[in-house]
Amino acid sequence: MAHGLGHDAIAKRFGLSPHSVQRHGKNHLSPQMMAAVQHALHPSAVDLDALKVSEGENLLHHLVHQRARLASHIELAVETGDASAAIRGEGAVTANLQLVSKLLGVLVNVTEQRHQHLLTHPDYLRLREVLLKALAPFPEARIAVGRALAGIETQAAEDITSRARKPAKVIEAMPVAAPPVIEATPTKLPPCPVPLP
């Protein structure tokens, strides 16, 4: 009752009438008892950490035993010549191994993003070269296209520069401080001992 199970379900389970279950709850289930049961349902943070460790170990134990059972089922399927059952068993073992690997932290999903700007992409550079060569017989058109491309490239370069000045977005890691910039003092070089030709 403290877990919130309905009177009808409790009555059916124990062969009682729903009214007698309700009456029993009113007469014998005090608010203190309800609170104690509810507190047991919501363990403290310390209990929760211990529970995670024990449940993790328990889960790992069950997965290892499941894999052993699957292996015996696969052997039986092979002995009886049931290839499809053996293949399904192998798939189940693979799924088991993946789950164990995730539980132990062996398998980690890594996502890598690479950004390459259009201006530095080889395809763009080739297109630019081909366009300007094709427009060589038409000087005015070539100049107009060259200016348009130069405008696009200038704007893109400004965007790249402005983005580079922003701090990098870091996920699940501490940002690394940039090394200090040491400005070199100009030094006067001695004259070249070799005379000019």
C-alpha atoms as a PDB file:
ATOM      1  CA  MET A   1       0.000   0.000   0.000  1.00  0.00           C
ATOM      2  CA  ALA A   2       2.866   2.373   0.797  1.00  0.00           C
ATOM      3  CA  HIS A   3       4.214   1.745  -2.693  1.00  0.00           C
ATOM      4  CA  GLY A   4       0.940   3.049  -4.137  1.00  0.00           C
ATOM      5  CA  LEU A   5      -0.474  -0.293  -5.293  1.00  0.00           C
ATOM      6  CA  GLY A   6      -4.266  -0.143  -5.635  1.00  0.00           C
ATOM      7  CA  HIS A   7      -6.556  -1.747  -3.054  1.00  0.00           C
ATOM      8  CA  ASP A   8      -8.181  -3.959  -5.706  1.00  0.00           C
ATOM      9  CA  ALA A   9      -4.836  -5.422  -6.807  1.00  0.00           C
ATOM     10  CA  ILE A  10      -3.757  -6.095  -3.203  1.00  0.00           C
ATOM     11  CA  ALA A  11      -7.117  -7.651  -2.366  1.00  0.00           C
ATOM     12  CA  LYS A  12      -6.977  -9.900  -5.404  1.00  0.00           C
ATOM     13  CA  ARG A  13      -3.441 -11.014  -4.601  1.00  0.00           C
ATOM     14  CA  PHE A  14      -4.259 -11.972  -1.011  1.00  0.00           C
ATOM     15  CA  GLY A  15      -7.847 -13.148  -1.536  1.00  0.00           C
ATOM     16  CA  LEU A  16      -9.443 -10.285   0.415  1.00  0.00           C
ATOM     17  CA  SER A  17     -12.069  -7.676  -0.308  1.00  0.00           C
ATOM     18  CA  PRO A  18     -10.885  -4.200  -1.376  1.00  0.00           C
ATOM     19  CA  HIS A  19     -12.773  -2.673   1.605  1.00  0.00           C
ATOM     20  CA  SER A  20     -10.889  -4.820   4.137  1.00  0.00           C
ATOM     21  CA  VAL A  21      -7.551  -3.794   2.536  1.00  0.00           C
ATOM     22  CA  GLN A  22      -8.542  -0.133   2.741  1.00  0.00           C
ATOM     23  CA  ARG A  23      -9.675  -0.548   6.373  1.00  0.00           C
ATOM     24  CA  HIS A  24      -6.399  -2.307   7.235  1.00  0.00           C
ATOM     25  CA  GLY A  25      -4.436   0.556   5.738  1.00  0.00           C
ATOM     26  CA  LYS A  26      -6.340   3.157   7.755  1.00  0.00           C
ATOM     27  CA  ASN A  27      -6.022   1.213  11.009  1.00  0.00           C
ATOM     28  CA  HIS A  28      -2.454  -0.125  10.774  1.00  0.00           C
ATOM     29  CA  LEU A  29      -0.406   1.922   8.292  1.00  0.00           C
ATOM     30  CA  SER A  30       0.660   5.037  10.189  1.00  0.00           C
ATOM     31  CA  PRO A  31       2.103   8.127   8.485  1.00  0.00           C
ATOM     32  CA  GLN A  32       5.482   7.281  10.079  1.00  0.00           C
ATOM     33  CA  MET A  33       5.428   3.826   8.483  1.00  0.00           C
ATOM     34  CA  MET A  34       4.464   5.370   5.120  1.00  0.00           C
ATOM     35  CA  ALA A  35       7.347   7.846   5.423  1.00  0.00           C
ATOM     36  CA  ALA A  36       9.802   5.064   6.299  1.00  0.00           C
ATOM     37  CA  VAL A  37       8.751   3.035   3.265  1.00  0.00           C
ATOM     38  CA  GLN A  38       8.886   6.103   1.021  1.00  0.00           C
ATOM     39  CA  HIS A  39      12.350   6.966   2.350  1.00  0.00           C
ATOM     40  CA  ALA A  40      13.472   3.436   1.544  1.00  0.00           C
ATOM     41  CA  LEU A  41      12.226   4.007  -2.032  1.00  0.00           C
ATOM     42  CA  HIS A  42      14.399   7.131  -2.362  1.00  0.00           C
ATOM     43  CA  PRO A  43      17.859   6.277  -0.976  1.00  0.00           C
ATOM     44  CA  SER A  44      20.265   9.021  -0.056  1.00  0.00           C
ATOM     45  CA  ALA A  45      23.089  10.096  -2.353  1.00  0.00           C
ATOM     46  CA  VAL A  46      25.603   7.968  -0.441  1.00  0.00           C
ATOM     47  CA  ASP A  47      23.344   4.925  -0.663  1.00  0.00           C
ATOM     48  CA  LEU A  48      22.796   5.653  -4.340  1.00  0.00           C
ATOM     49  CA  ASP A  49      26.545   5.622  -5.047  1.00  0.00           C
ATOM     50  CA  ALA A  50      26.948   2.315  -3.219  1.00  0.00           C
ATOM     51  CA  LEU A  51      23.918   0.959  -5.060  1.00  0.00           C
ATOM     52  CA  LYS A  52      25.431   1.946  -8.417  1.00  0.00           C
ATOM     53  CA  VAL A  53      28.647   0.086  -7.594  1.00  0.00           C
ATOM     54  CA  SER A  54      26.900  -3.058  -6.365  1.00  0.00           C
ATOM     55  CA  GLU A  55      24.382  -3.048  -9.211  1.00  0.00           C
ATOM     56  CA  GLY A  56      27.202  -2.514 -11.729  1.00  0.00           C
ATOM     57  CA  GLU A  57      29.070  -5.511 -10.339  1.00  0.00           C
ATOM     58  CA  ASN A  58      25.852  -7.535 -10.286  1.00  0.00           C
ATOM     59  CA  LEU A  59      25.079  -6.575 -13.892  1.00  0.00           C
ATOM     60  CA  LEU A  60      28.580  -7.532 -14.996  1.00  0.00           C
ATOM     61  CA  HIS A  61      28.250 -10.876 -13.189  1.00  0.00           C
ATOM     62  CA  HIS A  62      24.941 -11.632 -14.934  1.00  0.00           C
ATOM     63  CA  LEU A  63      26.311 -10.631 -18.333  1.00  0.00           C
ATOM     64  CA  VAL A  64      29.285 -12.987 -17.942  1.00  0.00           C
ATOM     65  CA  HIS A  65      26.956 -15.860 -16.986  1.00  0.00           C
ATOM     66  CA  GLN A  66      24.629 -14.982 -19.866  1.00  0.00           C
ATOM     67  CA  ARG A  67      27.560 -15.179 -22.274  1.00  0.00           C
ATOM     68  CA  ALA A  68      28.473 -18.630 -20.923  1.00  0.00           C
ATOM     69  CA  ARG A  69      24.888 -19.822 -21.422  1.00  0.00           C
ATOM     70  CA  LEU A  70      24.856 -18.374 -24.939  1.00  0.00           C
ATOM     71  CA  ALA A  71      28.079 -20.215 -25.743  1.00  0.00           C
ATOM     72  CA  SER A  72      26.543 -23.537 -24.674  1.00  0.00           C
ATOM     73  CA  HIS A  73      23.422 -22.795 -26.774  1.00  0.00           C
ATOM     74  CA  ILE A  74      25.646 -22.051 -29.779  1.00  0.00           C
ATOM     75  CA  GLU A  75      27.524 -25.333 -29.308  1.00  0.00           C
ATOM     76  CA  LEU A  76      24.215 -27.212 -29.160  1.00  0.00           C
ATOM     77  CA  ALA A  77      22.988 -25.445 -32.310  1.00  0.00           C
ATOM     78  CA  VAL A  78      26.199 -26.360 -34.139  1.00  0.00           C
ATOM     79  CA  GLU A  79      25.971 -29.998 -32.995  1.00  0.00           C
ATOM     80  CA  THR A  80      22.378 -30.267 -34.222  1.00  0.00           C
ATOM     81  CA  GLY A  81      23.233 -28.529 -37.495  1.00  0.00           C
ATOM     82  CA  ASP A  82      21.001 -25.476 -36.871  1.00  0.00           C
ATOM     83  CA  ALA A  83      23.149 -22.816 -38.552  1.00  0.00           C
ATOM     84  CA  SER A  84      20.598 -20.004 -38.213  1.00  0.00           C
ATOM     85  CA  ALA A  85      20.306 -20.562 -34.444  1.00  0.00           C
ATOM     86  CA  ALA A  86      24.111 -20.565 -34.166  1.00  0.00           C
ATOM     87  CA  ILE A  87      24.334 -17.299 -36.110  1.00  0.00           C
ATOM     88  CA  ARG A  88      21.651 -15.701 -33.907  1.00  0.00           C
ATOM     89  CA  GLY A  89      23.570 -16.913 -30.868  1.00  0.00           C
ATOM     90  CA  GLU A  90      26.760 -15.308 -32.171  1.00  0.00           C
ATOM     91  CA  GLY A  91      24.856 -12.043 -32.632  1.00  0.00           C
ATOM     92  CA  ALA A  92      23.610 -12.275 -29.039  1.00  0.00           C
ATOM     93  CA  VAL A  93      27.185 -12.862 -27.811  1.00  0.00           C
ATOM     94  CA  THR A  94      28.361  -9.805 -29.752  1.00  0.00           C
ATOM     95  CA  ALA A  95      25.600  -7.692 -28.178  1.00  0.00           C
ATOM     96  CA  ASN A  96      26.584  -9.055 -24.763  1.00  0.00           C
ATOM     97  CA  LEU A  97      30.245  -8.149 -25.350  1.00  0.00           C
ATOM     98  CA  GLN A  98      29.297  -4.647 -26.465  1.00  0.00           C
ATOM     99  CA  LEU A  99      27.254  -4.120 -23.306  1.00  0.00           C
ATOM    100  CA  VAL A 100      30.069  -5.430 -21.102  1.00  0.00           C
ATOM    101  CA  SER A 101      32.559  -3.180 -22.917  1.00  0.00           C
ATOM    102  CA  LYS A 102      30.359  -0.126 -22.356  1.00  0.00           C
ATOM    103  CA  LEU A 103      29.893  -1.063 -18.710  1.00  0.00           C
ATOM    104  CA  LEU A 104      33.654  -1.358 -18.229  1.00  0.00           C
ATOM    105  CA  GLY A 105      34.344   1.785 -20.248  1.00  0.00           C
ATOM    106  CA  VAL A 106      36.300  -0.084 -22.914  1.00  0.00           C
ATOM    107  CA  LEU A 107      34.065   1.097 -25.752  1.00  0.00           C
ATOM    108  CA  VAL A 108      33.847   4.852 -26.093  1.00  0.00           C
ATOM    109  CA  ASN A 109      32.036   6.683 -28.860  1.00  0.00           C
ATOM    110  CA  VAL A 110      34.277   9.389 -30.289  1.00  0.00           C
ATOM    111  CA  THR A 111      32.994  12.099 -32.557  1.00  0.00           C
ATOM    112  CA  GLU A 112      35.452  14.181 -34.512  1.00  0.00           C
ATOM    113  CA  GLN A 113      34.575  17.287 -36.457  1.00  0.00           C
ATOM    114  CA  ARG A 114      36.830  18.784 -39.077  1.00  0.00           C
ATOM    115  CA  HIS A 115      36.231  22.139 -40.639  1.00  0.00           C
ATOM    116  CA  GLN A 116      37.806  23.127 -43.920  1.00  0.00           C
ATOM    117  CA  HIS A 117      36.945  26.492 -45.327  1.00  0.00           C
ATOM    118  CA  LEU A 118      35.911  26.810 -48.955  1.00  0.00           C
ATOM    119  CA  LEU A 119      38.849  29.095 -49.735  1.00  0.00           C
ATOM    120  CA  THR A 120      41.386  26.413 -48.858  1.00  0.00           C
ATOM    121  CA  HIS A 121      39.517  23.506 -50.411  1.00  0.00           C
ATOM    122  CA  PRO A 122      41.374  22.091 -53.455  1.00  0.00           C
ATOM    123  CA  ASP A 123      38.148  21.890 -55.489  1.00  0.00           C
ATOM    124  CA  TYR A 124      37.493  25.617 -55.052  1.00  0.00           C
ATOM    125  CA  LEU A 125      41.054  26.539 -55.959  1.00  0.00           C
ATOM    126  CA  ARG A 126      40.844  24.368 -59.097  1.00  0.00           C
ATOM    127  CA  LEU A 127      37.472  25.916 -60.065  1.00  0.00           C
ATOM    128  CA  ARG A 128      38.886  29.412 -59.600  1.00  0.00           C
ATOM    129  CA  GLU A 129      41.870  28.603 -61.798  1.00  0.00           C
ATOM    130  CA  VAL A 130      39.709  27.034 -64.533  1.00  0.00           C
ATOM    131  CA  LEU A 131      37.262  29.981 -64.536  1.00  0.00           C
ATOM    132  CA  LEU A 132      39.972  32.584 -64.893  1.00  0.00           C
ATOM    133  CA  LYS A 133      41.709  30.615 -67.670  1.00  0.00           C
ATOM    134  CA  ALA A 134      38.416  30.165 -69.534  1.00  0.00           C
ATOM    135  CA  LEU A 135      37.746  33.910 -69.300  1.00  0.00           C
ATOM    136  CA  ALA A 136      41.209  34.880 -70.607  1.00  0.00           C
ATOM    137  CA  PRO A 137      39.864  35.694 -74.101  1.00  0.00           C
ATOM    138  CA  PHE A 138      37.320  38.055 -72.479  1.00  0.00           C
ATOM    139  CA  PRO A 139      39.352  40.531 -70.411  1.00  0.00           C
ATOM    140  CA  GLU A 140      36.390  42.574 -69.117  1.00  0.00           C
ATOM    141  CA  ALA A 141      34.491  39.467 -67.990  1.00  0.00           C
ATOM    142  CA  ARG A 142      37.674  38.049 -66.468  1.00  0.00           C
ATOM    143  CA  ILE A 143      38.251  41.226 -64.471  1.00  0.00           C
ATOM    144  CA  ALA A 144      34.606  41.285 -63.288  1.00  0.00           C
ATOM    145  CA  VAL A 145      34.690  37.620 -62.201  1.00  0.00           C
ATOM    146  CA  GLY A 146      38.108  38.142 -60.573  1.00  0.00           C
ATOM    147  CA  ARG A 147      36.757  41.105 -58.580  1.00  0.00           C
ATOM    148  CA  ALA A 148      33.674  39.109 -57.524  1.00  0.00           C
ATOM    149  CA  LEU A 149      35.823  36.185 -56.394  1.00  0.00           C
ATOM    150  CA  ALA A 150      38.207  38.543 -54.599  1.00  0.00           C
ATOM    151  CA  GLY A 151      35.237  40.081 -52.746  1.00  0.00           C
ATOM    152  CA  ILE A 152      33.978  36.662 -51.659  1.00  0.00           C
ATOM    153  CA  GLU A 153      37.474  35.624 -50.586  1.00  0.00           C
ATOM    154  CA  THR A 154      38.061  38.864 -48.652  1.00  0.00           C
ATOM    155  CA  GLN A 155      34.774  38.470 -46.782  1.00  0.00           C
ATOM    156  CA  ALA A 156      35.551  34.822 -46.011  1.00  0.00           C
ATOM    157  CA  ALA A 157      39.030  35.748 -44.773  1.00  0.00           C
ATOM    158  CA  GLU A 158      37.508  38.367 -42.449  1.00  0.00           C
ATOM    159  CA  ASP A 159      35.043  35.765 -41.125  1.00  0.00           C
ATOM    160  CA  ILE A 160      37.864  33.293 -40.481  1.00  0.00           C
ATOM    161  CA  THR A 161      39.890  35.967 -38.687  1.00  0.00           C
ATOM    162  CA  SER A 162      36.962  37.064 -36.500  1.00  0.00           C
ATOM    163  CA  ARG A 163      36.166  33.453 -35.568  1.00  0.00           C
ATOM    164  CA  ALA A 164      39.802  32.808 -34.709  1.00  0.00           C
ATOM    165  CA  ARG A 165      39.715  35.621 -32.140  1.00  0.00           C
ATOM    166  CA  LYS A 166      36.814  33.997 -30.267  1.00  0.00           C
ATOM    167  CA  PRO A 167      37.707  31.506 -27.518  1.00  0.00           C
ATOM    168  CA  ALA A 168      37.471  27.895 -28.646  1.00  0.00           C
ATOM    169  CA  LYS A 169      34.399  25.954 -27.558  1.00  0.00           C
ATOM    170  CA  VAL A 170      35.500  23.126 -25.281  1.00  0.00           C
ATOM    171  CA  ILE A 171      33.275  20.198 -24.343  1.00  0.00           C
ATOM    172  CA  GLU A 172      34.036  18.037 -21.290  1.00  0.00           C
ATOM    173  CA  ALA A 173      37.565  19.324 -20.931  1.00  0.00           C
ATOM    174  CA  MET A 174      39.418  22.214 -19.394  1.00  0.00           C
ATOM    175  CA  PRO A 175      40.571  24.815 -21.915  1.00  0.00           C
ATOM    176  CA  VAL A 176      44.318  25.038 -22.299  1.00  0.00           C
ATOM    177  CA  ALA A 177      45.722  28.491 -21.798  1.00  0.00           C
ATOM    178  CA  ALA A 178      47.549  29.912 -24.786  1.00  0.00           C
ATOM    179  CA  PRO A 179      51.302  30.283 -24.300  1.00  0.00           C
ATOM    180  CA  PRO A 180      52.420  33.847 -23.597  1.00  0.00           C
ATOM    181  CA  VAL A 181      53.406  35.867 -26.652  1.00  0.00           C
ATOM    182  CA  ILE A 182      57.030  36.943 -26.511  1.00  0.00           C
ATOM    183  CA  GLU A 183      57.725  39.859 -28.746  1.00  0.00           C
ATOM    184  CA  ALA A 184      61.163  39.771 -30.263  1.00  0.00           C
ATOM    185  CA  THR A 185      63.190  42.931 -30.112  1.00  0.00           C
ATOM    186  CA  PRO A 186      64.629  43.844 -33.483  1.00  0.00           C
ATOM    187  CA  THR A 187      68.355  43.255 -33.653  1.00  0.00           C
ATOM    188  CA  LYS A 188      70.630  44.784 -36.234  1.00  0.00           C
ATOM    189  CA  LEU A 189      72.340  42.161 -38.337  1.00  0.00           C
ATOM    190  CA  PRO A 190      75.974  42.589 -39.312  1.00  0.00           C
ATOM    191  CA  PRO A 191      76.629  43.383 -42.962  1.00  0.00           C
ATOM    192  CA  CYS A 192      77.086  40.443 -45.320  1.00  0.00           C
ATOM    193  CA  PRO A 193      80.808  39.645 -45.778  1.00  0.00           C
ATOM    194  CA  VAL A 194      80.229  38.444 -49.351  1.00  0.00           C
ATOM    195  CA  PRO A 195      80.313  41.308 -51.892  1.00  0.00           C
ATOM    196  CA  LEU A 196      77.369  41.713 -54.262  1.00  0.00           C
ATOM    197  CA  PRO A 197      77.901  40.422 -57.842  1.00  0.00           C
END
